[in-house]
C-alpha cells in the first residue's frame, strides 16, 4: 500500500517536472527569435533595445532553471561514469539514491533557505531593471531561484523513491 502511494507520488512529481521542462523548452525558440530580431534591429536599422536584451537574459535564466529538474528526471546531467556505466542496476540505484539524499537535497535546502530573504526583499520593493527601458520584473526572475530549488528537491525525492524501490526489490523495480 505504501509502495503504491510512493510510486504515485514519484509519478506525479515526474509528470509535473516533465511538463514544466517541456514548457520551458519553448523559451529556447523565443530566445533565438528575440535575439535575432535584436541583432537585425541594431545592425541593419541602428535601433537598440535594452528591453529585448534583458528579455534574452531573462529567458535564458528561466530556461535553465525551470528545465533542470526535467533534465535530472531523464538522467541527462553531466556525469563522470567510469564505474557507474558498468555497475549493476542495484549499485546504480544505490549511487543515485545516495546522490539524491546526500548531494541534491542538501543543496536544494541550502539554496532555498539562503535565497528566501533575497527574493522576499526583491518582492517587497518590486525590484525592477536598473535601466529605464528595461524589464521591471527582476523580482519575478529572482523568484525562479526558489522554484528551481523546490523543483529539484521534489525531483530528488522522486529519485529517492524510485531508487529506494529498486534497492528494495534487488535492482528490478519499474521506473
N, C-alpha and C. Protein backbone atom coordinates (compact mmCIF):
# COMPACT_ATOMS: atom_id res chain seq x y z
N UNK A 1 0.82 -1.19 0.00
CA UNK A 1 0.00 0.00 0.00
C UNK A 1 0.87 1.26 0.00
N UNK A 2 1.85 1.31 0.88
CA UNK A 2 2.75 2.46 0.93
C UNK A 2 3.59 2.53 -0.35
N UNK A 3 3.93 1.37 -0.91
CA UNK A 3 4.71 1.33 -2.14
C UNK A 3 3.91 1.96 -3.28
N UNK A 4 2.62 1.65 -3.36
CA UNK A 4 1.78 2.24 -4.39
C UNK A 4 1.66 3.74 -4.25
N UNK A 5 1.51 4.21 -3.01
CA UNK A 5 1.43 5.65 -2.77
C UNK A 5 2.73 6.34 -3.18
N UNK A 6 3.85 5.75 -2.78
CA UNK A 6 5.15 6.35 -3.11
C UNK A 6 5.38 6.36 -4.62
N UNK A 7 5.00 5.28 -5.29
CA UNK A 7 5.13 5.24 -6.75
C UNK A 7 4.26 6.30 -7.41
N UNK A 8 3.04 6.47 -6.88
CA UNK A 8 2.14 7.51 -7.42
C UNK A 8 2.71 8.90 -7.19
N UNK A 9 3.27 9.11 -6.01
CA UNK A 9 3.88 10.40 -5.69
C UNK A 9 5.04 10.69 -6.64
N UNK A 10 5.92 9.70 -6.82
CA UNK A 10 7.05 9.88 -7.74
C UNK A 10 6.55 10.15 -9.15
N UNK A 11 5.50 9.45 -9.57
CA UNK A 11 4.93 9.66 -10.90
C UNK A 11 4.36 11.06 -11.07
N UNK A 12 3.70 11.55 -10.03
CA UNK A 12 3.14 12.91 -10.09
C UNK A 12 4.25 13.96 -10.17
N UNK A 13 5.29 13.77 -9.38
CA UNK A 13 6.44 14.70 -9.42
C UNK A 13 7.08 14.67 -10.81
N UNK A 14 7.28 13.46 -11.33
CA UNK A 14 7.90 13.31 -12.65
C UNK A 14 7.05 13.98 -13.73
N UNK A 15 5.76 13.77 -13.69
CA UNK A 15 4.87 14.35 -14.69
C UNK A 15 4.90 15.87 -14.63
N UNK A 16 4.84 16.41 -13.42
CA UNK A 16 4.87 17.86 -13.25
C UNK A 16 6.17 18.45 -13.79
N UNK A 17 7.30 17.86 -13.42
CA UNK A 17 8.59 18.38 -13.89
C UNK A 17 8.77 18.17 -15.38
N UNK A 18 8.23 17.09 -15.92
CA UNK A 18 8.32 16.85 -17.36
C UNK A 18 7.53 17.94 -18.10
N UNK A 19 6.33 18.26 -17.62
CA UNK A 19 5.52 19.29 -18.28
C UNK A 19 6.16 20.68 -18.15
N UNK A 20 6.70 20.99 -16.99
CA UNK A 20 7.38 22.28 -16.82
C UNK A 20 8.60 22.35 -17.73
N UNK A 21 9.34 21.26 -17.82
CA UNK A 21 10.52 21.21 -18.69
C UNK A 21 10.17 21.41 -20.15
N UNK A 22 9.09 20.77 -20.59
CA UNK A 22 8.66 20.94 -21.99
C UNK A 22 8.20 22.37 -22.27
N UNK A 23 7.49 22.95 -21.32
CA UNK A 23 7.05 24.34 -21.49
C UNK A 23 8.27 25.27 -21.53
N UNK A 24 9.23 25.04 -20.65
CA UNK A 24 10.43 25.87 -20.61
C UNK A 24 11.26 25.74 -21.89
N UNK A 25 11.22 24.57 -22.50
CA UNK A 25 12.00 24.35 -23.72
C UNK A 25 11.58 25.30 -24.84
N UNK A 26 10.32 25.72 -24.83
CA UNK A 26 9.86 26.67 -25.85
C UNK A 26 10.54 28.02 -25.71
N UNK A 27 11.09 28.30 -24.54
CA UNK A 27 11.82 29.56 -24.35
C UNK A 27 13.06 29.62 -25.24
N UNK A 28 13.62 28.45 -25.58
CA UNK A 28 14.80 28.47 -26.45
C UNK A 28 14.45 29.04 -27.82
N UNK A 29 13.28 28.68 -28.35
CA UNK A 29 12.84 29.23 -29.62
C UNK A 29 12.57 30.73 -29.50
N UNK A 30 11.86 31.11 -28.45
CA UNK A 30 11.58 32.53 -28.23
C UNK A 30 12.87 33.32 -28.07
N UNK A 31 13.83 32.74 -27.36
CA UNK A 31 15.11 33.41 -27.12
C UNK A 31 15.84 33.65 -28.45
N UNK A 32 15.85 32.66 -29.33
CA UNK A 32 16.51 32.81 -30.63
C UNK A 32 15.81 33.89 -31.45
N UNK A 33 14.49 33.86 -31.45
CA UNK A 33 13.75 34.85 -32.25
C UNK A 33 13.97 36.28 -31.73
N UNK A 34 13.93 36.45 -30.42
CA UNK A 34 14.15 37.78 -29.85
C UNK A 34 15.59 38.24 -30.09
N UNK A 35 16.55 37.34 -29.92
CA UNK A 35 17.95 37.71 -30.16
C UNK A 35 18.19 38.06 -31.62
N UNK A 36 17.62 37.26 -32.53
CA UNK A 36 17.75 37.54 -33.96
C UNK A 36 17.15 38.91 -34.30
N UNK A 37 15.96 39.17 -33.79
CA UNK A 37 15.30 40.46 -34.03
C UNK A 37 16.14 41.61 -33.48
N UNK A 38 16.68 41.41 -32.29
CA UNK A 38 17.51 42.44 -31.67
C UNK A 38 18.74 42.75 -32.51
N UNK A 39 19.38 41.72 -33.03
CA UNK A 39 20.58 41.90 -33.85
C UNK A 39 20.22 42.61 -35.16
N UNK A 40 19.14 42.18 -35.80
CA UNK A 40 18.72 42.83 -37.05
C UNK A 40 18.39 44.29 -36.81
N UNK A 41 17.64 44.57 -35.74
CA UNK A 41 17.30 45.96 -35.44
C UNK A 41 18.54 46.81 -35.19
N UNK A 42 19.50 46.24 -34.47
CA UNK A 42 20.69 47.02 -34.12
C UNK A 42 21.59 47.24 -35.33
N UNK A 43 21.93 46.19 -36.07
CA UNK A 43 22.94 46.30 -37.11
C UNK A 43 22.39 46.69 -38.48
N UNK A 44 21.10 46.48 -38.72
CA UNK A 44 20.53 46.87 -40.01
C UNK A 44 19.86 48.24 -39.91
N UNK A 45 19.11 48.46 -38.81
CA UNK A 45 18.33 49.69 -38.69
C UNK A 45 18.90 50.67 -37.66
N UNK A 46 19.94 50.26 -36.93
CA UNK A 46 20.55 51.15 -35.94
C UNK A 46 19.67 51.40 -34.73
N UNK A 47 18.79 50.47 -34.42
CA UNK A 47 17.87 50.62 -33.28
C UNK A 47 18.26 49.61 -32.20
N UNK A 48 18.59 50.10 -31.03
CA UNK A 48 18.92 49.22 -29.91
C UNK A 48 17.73 49.09 -28.97
N UNK A 49 17.64 47.95 -28.29
CA UNK A 49 16.54 47.74 -27.37
C UNK A 49 17.05 47.04 -26.11
N UNK A 50 17.11 47.79 -25.03
CA UNK A 50 17.51 47.22 -23.75
C UNK A 50 16.48 46.18 -23.30
N UNK A 51 15.21 46.47 -23.57
CA UNK A 51 14.14 45.54 -23.21
C UNK A 51 14.37 44.17 -23.86
N UNK A 52 14.70 44.16 -25.13
CA UNK A 52 14.94 42.90 -25.83
C UNK A 52 16.20 42.21 -25.31
N UNK A 53 17.23 42.96 -25.03
CA UNK A 53 18.46 42.36 -24.48
C UNK A 53 18.20 41.72 -23.14
N UNK A 54 17.45 42.42 -22.28
CA UNK A 54 17.13 41.86 -20.97
C UNK A 54 16.19 40.67 -21.11
N UNK A 55 15.29 40.70 -22.08
CA UNK A 55 14.37 39.58 -22.29
C UNK A 55 15.14 38.30 -22.61
N UNK A 56 16.19 38.42 -23.41
CA UNK A 56 17.01 37.25 -23.73
C UNK A 56 17.68 36.71 -22.47
N UNK A 57 18.19 37.60 -21.63
CA UNK A 57 18.82 37.17 -20.38
C UNK A 57 17.80 36.50 -19.47
N UNK A 58 16.62 37.08 -19.35
CA UNK A 58 15.56 36.51 -18.51
C UNK A 58 15.17 35.11 -19.02
N UNK A 59 14.93 35.02 -20.33
CA UNK A 59 14.53 33.72 -20.90
C UNK A 59 15.61 32.68 -20.71
N UNK A 60 16.86 33.08 -20.87
CA UNK A 60 17.98 32.16 -20.68
C UNK A 60 17.99 31.63 -19.25
N UNK A 61 17.86 32.51 -18.29
CA UNK A 61 17.85 32.10 -16.88
C UNK A 61 16.67 31.21 -16.56
N UNK A 62 15.50 31.59 -17.01
CA UNK A 62 14.30 30.79 -16.74
C UNK A 62 14.39 29.43 -17.42
N UNK A 63 14.88 29.40 -18.65
CA UNK A 63 15.01 28.14 -19.38
C UNK A 63 15.86 27.14 -18.59
N UNK A 64 17.02 27.55 -18.17
CA UNK A 64 17.91 26.62 -17.48
C UNK A 64 17.42 26.26 -16.08
N UNK A 65 16.85 27.22 -15.38
CA UNK A 65 16.38 26.94 -14.03
C UNK A 65 15.14 26.04 -14.03
N UNK A 66 14.23 26.30 -14.95
CA UNK A 66 12.97 25.55 -14.96
C UNK A 66 13.10 24.18 -15.64
N UNK A 67 14.10 24.01 -16.49
CA UNK A 67 14.27 22.73 -17.19
C UNK A 67 15.23 21.79 -16.46
N UNK A 68 15.88 22.26 -15.41
CA UNK A 68 16.89 21.45 -14.72
C UNK A 68 16.30 20.19 -14.08
N UNK A 69 15.12 20.29 -13.49
CA UNK A 69 14.52 19.11 -12.85
C UNK A 69 14.11 18.08 -13.90
N UNK A 70 13.64 18.53 -15.06
CA UNK A 70 13.32 17.62 -16.15
C UNK A 70 14.58 16.92 -16.65
N UNK A 71 15.66 17.66 -16.70
CA UNK A 71 16.94 17.08 -17.11
C UNK A 71 17.38 16.02 -16.11
N UNK A 72 17.21 16.29 -14.82
CA UNK A 72 17.53 15.30 -13.79
C UNK A 72 16.63 14.08 -13.93
N UNK A 73 15.35 14.29 -14.19
CA UNK A 73 14.40 13.20 -14.38
C UNK A 73 14.88 12.24 -15.46
N UNK A 74 15.38 12.79 -16.55
CA UNK A 74 15.82 11.96 -17.67
C UNK A 74 17.29 11.54 -17.56
N UNK A 75 17.90 11.82 -16.41
CA UNK A 75 19.29 11.44 -16.13
C UNK A 75 20.24 11.96 -17.21
N UNK A 76 20.06 13.23 -17.59
CA UNK A 76 20.85 13.81 -18.66
C UNK A 76 21.84 14.86 -18.18
N UNK A 77 22.00 14.99 -16.87
CA UNK A 77 23.03 15.89 -16.36
C UNK A 77 24.39 15.26 -16.61
N UNK A 78 25.41 16.08 -16.63
CA UNK A 78 26.77 15.59 -16.86
C UNK A 78 27.16 14.64 -15.74
N UNK A 79 27.70 13.52 -16.13
CA UNK A 79 28.09 12.51 -15.15
C UNK A 79 29.41 11.89 -15.63
N UNK A 80 30.33 11.76 -14.71
CA UNK A 80 31.57 11.03 -15.00
C UNK A 80 31.29 9.59 -14.59
N UNK A 81 31.04 8.76 -15.59
CA UNK A 81 30.56 7.42 -15.27
C UNK A 81 31.55 6.31 -15.61
N UNK A 82 32.77 6.48 -15.17
CA UNK A 82 33.79 5.47 -15.42
C UNK A 82 33.38 4.15 -14.78
N UNK A 83 32.90 4.20 -13.56
CA UNK A 83 32.49 2.99 -12.86
C UNK A 83 30.98 2.77 -12.96
N UNK A 84 30.24 3.84 -13.01
CA UNK A 84 28.78 3.77 -13.00
C UNK A 84 28.23 3.02 -14.20
N UNK A 85 28.79 3.24 -15.37
CA UNK A 85 28.26 2.63 -16.60
C UNK A 85 28.33 1.11 -16.57
N UNK A 86 29.29 0.56 -15.84
CA UNK A 86 29.43 -0.90 -15.78
C UNK A 86 28.81 -1.50 -14.51
N UNK A 87 28.21 -0.66 -13.71
CA UNK A 87 27.64 -1.14 -12.44
C UNK A 87 26.32 -1.88 -12.68
N UNK A 88 25.97 -2.73 -11.72
CA UNK A 88 24.70 -3.44 -11.78
C UNK A 88 23.56 -2.46 -11.51
N UNK A 89 22.33 -2.79 -11.90
CA UNK A 89 21.19 -1.91 -11.61
C UNK A 89 21.06 -1.59 -10.12
N UNK A 90 21.35 -2.55 -9.25
CA UNK A 90 21.26 -2.31 -7.81
C UNK A 90 22.29 -1.28 -7.37
N UNK A 91 23.52 -1.40 -7.86
CA UNK A 91 24.58 -0.45 -7.49
C UNK A 91 24.29 0.94 -8.05
N UNK A 92 23.77 1.00 -9.27
CA UNK A 92 23.38 2.30 -9.84
C UNK A 92 22.30 2.95 -8.99
N UNK A 93 21.33 2.15 -8.57
CA UNK A 93 20.25 2.68 -7.73
C UNK A 93 20.81 3.19 -6.40
N UNK A 94 21.78 2.48 -5.84
CA UNK A 94 22.39 2.91 -4.59
C UNK A 94 23.12 4.25 -4.77
N UNK A 95 23.90 4.35 -5.83
CA UNK A 95 24.64 5.59 -6.11
C UNK A 95 23.66 6.75 -6.34
N UNK A 96 22.62 6.50 -7.12
CA UNK A 96 21.63 7.54 -7.40
C UNK A 96 20.86 7.94 -6.14
N UNK A 97 20.50 6.96 -5.32
CA UNK A 97 19.79 7.25 -4.07
C UNK A 97 20.65 8.12 -3.17
N UNK A 98 21.90 7.73 -2.99
CA UNK A 98 22.80 8.49 -2.13
C UNK A 98 23.08 9.88 -2.71
N UNK A 99 23.20 9.96 -4.02
CA UNK A 99 23.41 11.27 -4.67
C UNK A 99 22.25 12.21 -4.42
N UNK A 100 21.04 11.68 -4.53
CA UNK A 100 19.84 12.49 -4.27
C UNK A 100 19.78 12.91 -2.80
N UNK A 101 20.01 11.94 -1.91
CA UNK A 101 19.86 12.19 -0.47
C UNK A 101 20.98 13.05 0.11
N UNK A 102 22.20 12.81 -0.34
CA UNK A 102 23.35 13.47 0.29
C UNK A 102 23.90 14.66 -0.48
N UNK A 103 23.53 14.79 -1.73
CA UNK A 103 24.05 15.91 -2.53
C UNK A 103 22.94 16.86 -2.97
N UNK A 104 21.96 16.35 -3.70
CA UNK A 104 20.95 17.24 -4.27
C UNK A 104 20.07 17.86 -3.19
N UNK A 105 19.52 17.04 -2.29
CA UNK A 105 18.61 17.56 -1.26
C UNK A 105 19.26 18.63 -0.37
N UNK A 106 20.45 18.38 0.17
CA UNK A 106 21.06 19.43 1.00
C UNK A 106 21.32 20.73 0.23
N UNK A 107 21.75 20.61 -1.02
CA UNK A 107 22.00 21.82 -1.82
C UNK A 107 20.69 22.56 -2.08
N UNK A 108 19.62 21.84 -2.37
CA UNK A 108 18.32 22.49 -2.60
C UNK A 108 17.81 23.18 -1.34
N UNK A 109 17.96 22.51 -0.20
CA UNK A 109 17.53 23.11 1.07
C UNK A 109 18.35 24.36 1.37
N UNK A 110 19.66 24.27 1.17
CA UNK A 110 20.54 25.42 1.40
C UNK A 110 20.19 26.56 0.44
N UNK A 111 20.04 26.24 -0.82
CA UNK A 111 19.73 27.26 -1.82
C UNK A 111 18.40 27.95 -1.49
N UNK A 112 17.39 27.18 -1.13
CA UNK A 112 16.09 27.77 -0.80
C UNK A 112 16.21 28.67 0.43
N UNK A 113 16.87 28.17 1.48
CA UNK A 113 16.94 28.94 2.73
C UNK A 113 17.78 30.21 2.57
N UNK A 114 18.85 30.14 1.80
CA UNK A 114 19.70 31.32 1.59
C UNK A 114 19.02 32.32 0.66
N UNK A 115 18.26 31.84 -0.29
CA UNK A 115 17.65 32.71 -1.29
C UNK A 115 16.32 33.32 -0.85
N UNK A 116 15.70 32.74 0.15
CA UNK A 116 14.36 33.19 0.52
C UNK A 116 14.31 34.68 0.85
N UNK A 117 15.18 35.16 1.73
CA UNK A 117 15.18 36.59 2.09
C UNK A 117 15.57 37.46 0.90
N UNK A 118 16.50 36.99 0.10
CA UNK A 118 16.93 37.70 -1.11
C UNK A 118 15.73 37.94 -2.03
N UNK A 119 14.91 36.92 -2.22
CA UNK A 119 13.73 37.03 -3.06
C UNK A 119 12.66 37.88 -2.36
N UNK A 120 12.48 37.68 -1.06
CA UNK A 120 11.47 38.44 -0.32
C UNK A 120 11.75 39.93 -0.36
N UNK A 121 13.00 40.31 -0.21
CA UNK A 121 13.37 41.73 -0.28
C UNK A 121 13.09 42.28 -1.67
N UNK A 122 13.40 41.49 -2.67
CA UNK A 122 13.13 41.91 -4.05
C UNK A 122 11.64 42.12 -4.28
N UNK A 123 10.82 41.24 -3.73
CA UNK A 123 9.37 41.38 -3.85
C UNK A 123 8.86 42.60 -3.06
N UNK A 124 9.46 42.84 -1.90
CA UNK A 124 8.97 43.94 -1.05
C UNK A 124 9.12 45.30 -1.73
N UNK A 125 10.09 45.43 -2.61
CA UNK A 125 10.28 46.70 -3.33
C UNK A 125 9.88 46.58 -4.80
N UNK A 126 9.35 45.41 -5.18
CA UNK A 126 9.02 45.13 -6.58
C UNK A 126 10.19 45.54 -7.48
N UNK A 127 11.32 44.96 -7.18
CA UNK A 127 12.58 45.30 -7.85
C UNK A 127 12.46 45.19 -9.36
N UNK A 128 12.95 46.19 -10.02
CA UNK A 128 12.92 46.23 -11.48
C UNK A 128 14.31 46.45 -12.04
N UNK A 129 14.35 46.63 -13.32
CA UNK A 129 15.61 46.85 -14.02
C UNK A 129 16.26 48.15 -13.59
N UNK A 130 17.56 48.19 -13.67
CA UNK A 130 18.29 49.43 -13.40
C UNK A 130 18.18 50.39 -14.58
N UNK A 131 17.82 49.85 -15.72
CA UNK A 131 17.65 50.65 -16.93
C UNK A 131 16.20 51.10 -17.03
N UNK A 132 15.99 52.32 -17.41
CA UNK A 132 14.64 52.88 -17.51
C UNK A 132 13.76 52.09 -18.47
N UNK A 133 14.33 51.69 -19.60
CA UNK A 133 13.54 50.97 -20.59
C UNK A 133 13.69 49.45 -20.48
N UNK A 134 14.22 49.00 -19.35
CA UNK A 134 14.39 47.57 -19.14
C UNK A 134 13.14 46.91 -18.60
N UNK A 135 13.24 45.63 -18.30
CA UNK A 135 12.12 44.86 -17.76
C UNK A 135 12.02 45.14 -16.26
N UNK A 136 10.87 45.55 -15.82
CA UNK A 136 10.70 45.88 -14.41
C UNK A 136 10.11 44.70 -13.65
N UNK A 137 10.74 43.54 -13.82
CA UNK A 137 10.28 42.33 -13.15
C UNK A 137 11.43 41.50 -12.62
N UNK A 138 12.46 42.15 -12.13
CA UNK A 138 13.60 41.42 -11.56
C UNK A 138 13.13 40.53 -10.41
N UNK A 139 12.14 41.00 -9.66
CA UNK A 139 11.62 40.21 -8.53
C UNK A 139 11.03 38.89 -9.02
N UNK A 140 10.45 38.89 -10.23
CA UNK A 140 9.91 37.64 -10.78
C UNK A 140 11.04 36.70 -11.20
N UNK A 141 12.07 37.26 -11.79
CA UNK A 141 13.22 36.44 -12.19
C UNK A 141 13.88 35.82 -10.97
N UNK A 142 14.01 36.58 -9.90
CA UNK A 142 14.63 36.05 -8.68
C UNK A 142 13.77 34.96 -8.05
N UNK A 143 12.46 35.03 -8.23
CA UNK A 143 11.57 34.01 -7.70
C UNK A 143 11.85 32.64 -8.32
N UNK A 144 12.34 32.65 -9.54
CA UNK A 144 12.65 31.40 -10.22
C UNK A 144 13.72 30.61 -9.46
N UNK A 145 14.55 31.28 -8.70
CA UNK A 145 15.55 30.59 -7.88
C UNK A 145 14.86 29.66 -6.88
N UNK A 146 13.83 30.18 -6.22
CA UNK A 146 13.08 29.37 -5.25
C UNK A 146 12.34 28.22 -5.94
N UNK A 147 11.75 28.53 -7.09
CA UNK A 147 11.03 27.49 -7.84
C UNK A 147 12.01 26.39 -8.26
N UNK A 148 13.19 26.78 -8.71
CA UNK A 148 14.23 25.83 -9.08
C UNK A 148 14.59 24.92 -7.91
N UNK A 149 14.79 25.50 -6.74
CA UNK A 149 15.16 24.71 -5.57
C UNK A 149 14.05 23.71 -5.21
N UNK A 150 12.81 24.15 -5.29
CA UNK A 150 11.68 23.26 -4.98
C UNK A 150 11.57 22.16 -6.02
N UNK A 151 11.64 22.52 -7.29
CA UNK A 151 11.55 21.52 -8.36
C UNK A 151 12.65 20.47 -8.23
N UNK A 152 13.87 20.92 -8.04
CA UNK A 152 14.99 19.97 -7.93
C UNK A 152 14.85 19.12 -6.68
N UNK A 153 14.41 19.72 -5.57
CA UNK A 153 14.20 18.95 -4.35
C UNK A 153 13.14 17.89 -4.53
N UNK A 154 12.03 18.26 -5.17
CA UNK A 154 10.98 17.28 -5.43
C UNK A 154 11.46 16.17 -6.37
N UNK A 155 12.26 16.56 -7.38
CA UNK A 155 12.77 15.54 -8.29
C UNK A 155 13.75 14.61 -7.57
N UNK A 156 14.49 15.15 -6.62
CA UNK A 156 15.38 14.31 -5.81
C UNK A 156 14.56 13.34 -4.96
N UNK A 157 13.44 13.81 -4.42
CA UNK A 157 12.55 12.92 -3.65
C UNK A 157 12.02 11.81 -4.55
N UNK A 158 11.60 12.18 -5.75
CA UNK A 158 11.14 11.17 -6.71
C UNK A 158 12.24 10.16 -7.00
N UNK A 159 13.45 10.65 -7.20
CA UNK A 159 14.58 9.76 -7.45
C UNK A 159 14.86 8.84 -6.28
N UNK A 160 14.76 9.38 -5.07
CA UNK A 160 14.98 8.53 -3.89
C UNK A 160 13.89 7.46 -3.79
N UNK A 161 12.66 7.81 -4.10
CA UNK A 161 11.57 6.83 -4.06
C UNK A 161 11.84 5.72 -5.07
N UNK A 162 12.10 6.11 -6.32
CA UNK A 162 12.29 5.10 -7.38
C UNK A 162 13.52 4.25 -7.12
N UNK A 163 14.60 4.88 -6.72
CA UNK A 163 15.82 4.11 -6.44
C UNK A 163 15.68 3.28 -5.17
N UNK A 164 14.95 3.79 -4.19
CA UNK A 164 14.68 3.01 -2.98
C UNK A 164 13.88 1.76 -3.30
N UNK A 165 12.89 1.88 -4.19
CA UNK A 165 12.12 0.71 -4.61
C UNK A 165 13.00 -0.28 -5.37
N UNK A 166 13.88 0.25 -6.20
CA UNK A 166 14.82 -0.62 -6.91
C UNK A 166 15.72 -1.37 -5.93
N UNK A 167 16.22 -0.66 -4.94
CA UNK A 167 17.07 -1.30 -3.93
C UNK A 167 16.29 -2.35 -3.15
N UNK A 168 15.06 -2.03 -2.83
CA UNK A 168 14.22 -2.95 -2.05
C UNK A 168 13.91 -4.22 -2.84
N UNK A 169 13.76 -4.09 -4.15
CA UNK A 169 13.43 -5.25 -4.97
C UNK A 169 14.65 -5.86 -5.65
N UNK A 170 15.81 -5.55 -5.17
CA UNK A 170 17.04 -6.17 -5.69
C UNK A 170 17.44 -5.73 -7.07
N UNK A 171 17.08 -4.50 -7.43
CA UNK A 171 17.53 -3.96 -8.72
C UNK A 171 16.55 -4.18 -9.85
N UNK A 172 15.32 -4.61 -9.54
CA UNK A 172 14.38 -4.89 -10.61
C UNK A 172 13.05 -4.16 -10.48
N UNK A 173 13.04 -3.00 -9.85
CA UNK A 173 11.79 -2.23 -9.72
C UNK A 173 11.56 -1.45 -10.99
N UNK A 174 10.32 -1.24 -11.33
CA UNK A 174 10.00 -0.45 -12.53
C UNK A 174 10.17 1.02 -12.23
N UNK A 175 10.72 1.75 -13.20
CA UNK A 175 10.92 3.19 -13.01
C UNK A 175 10.18 3.96 -13.99
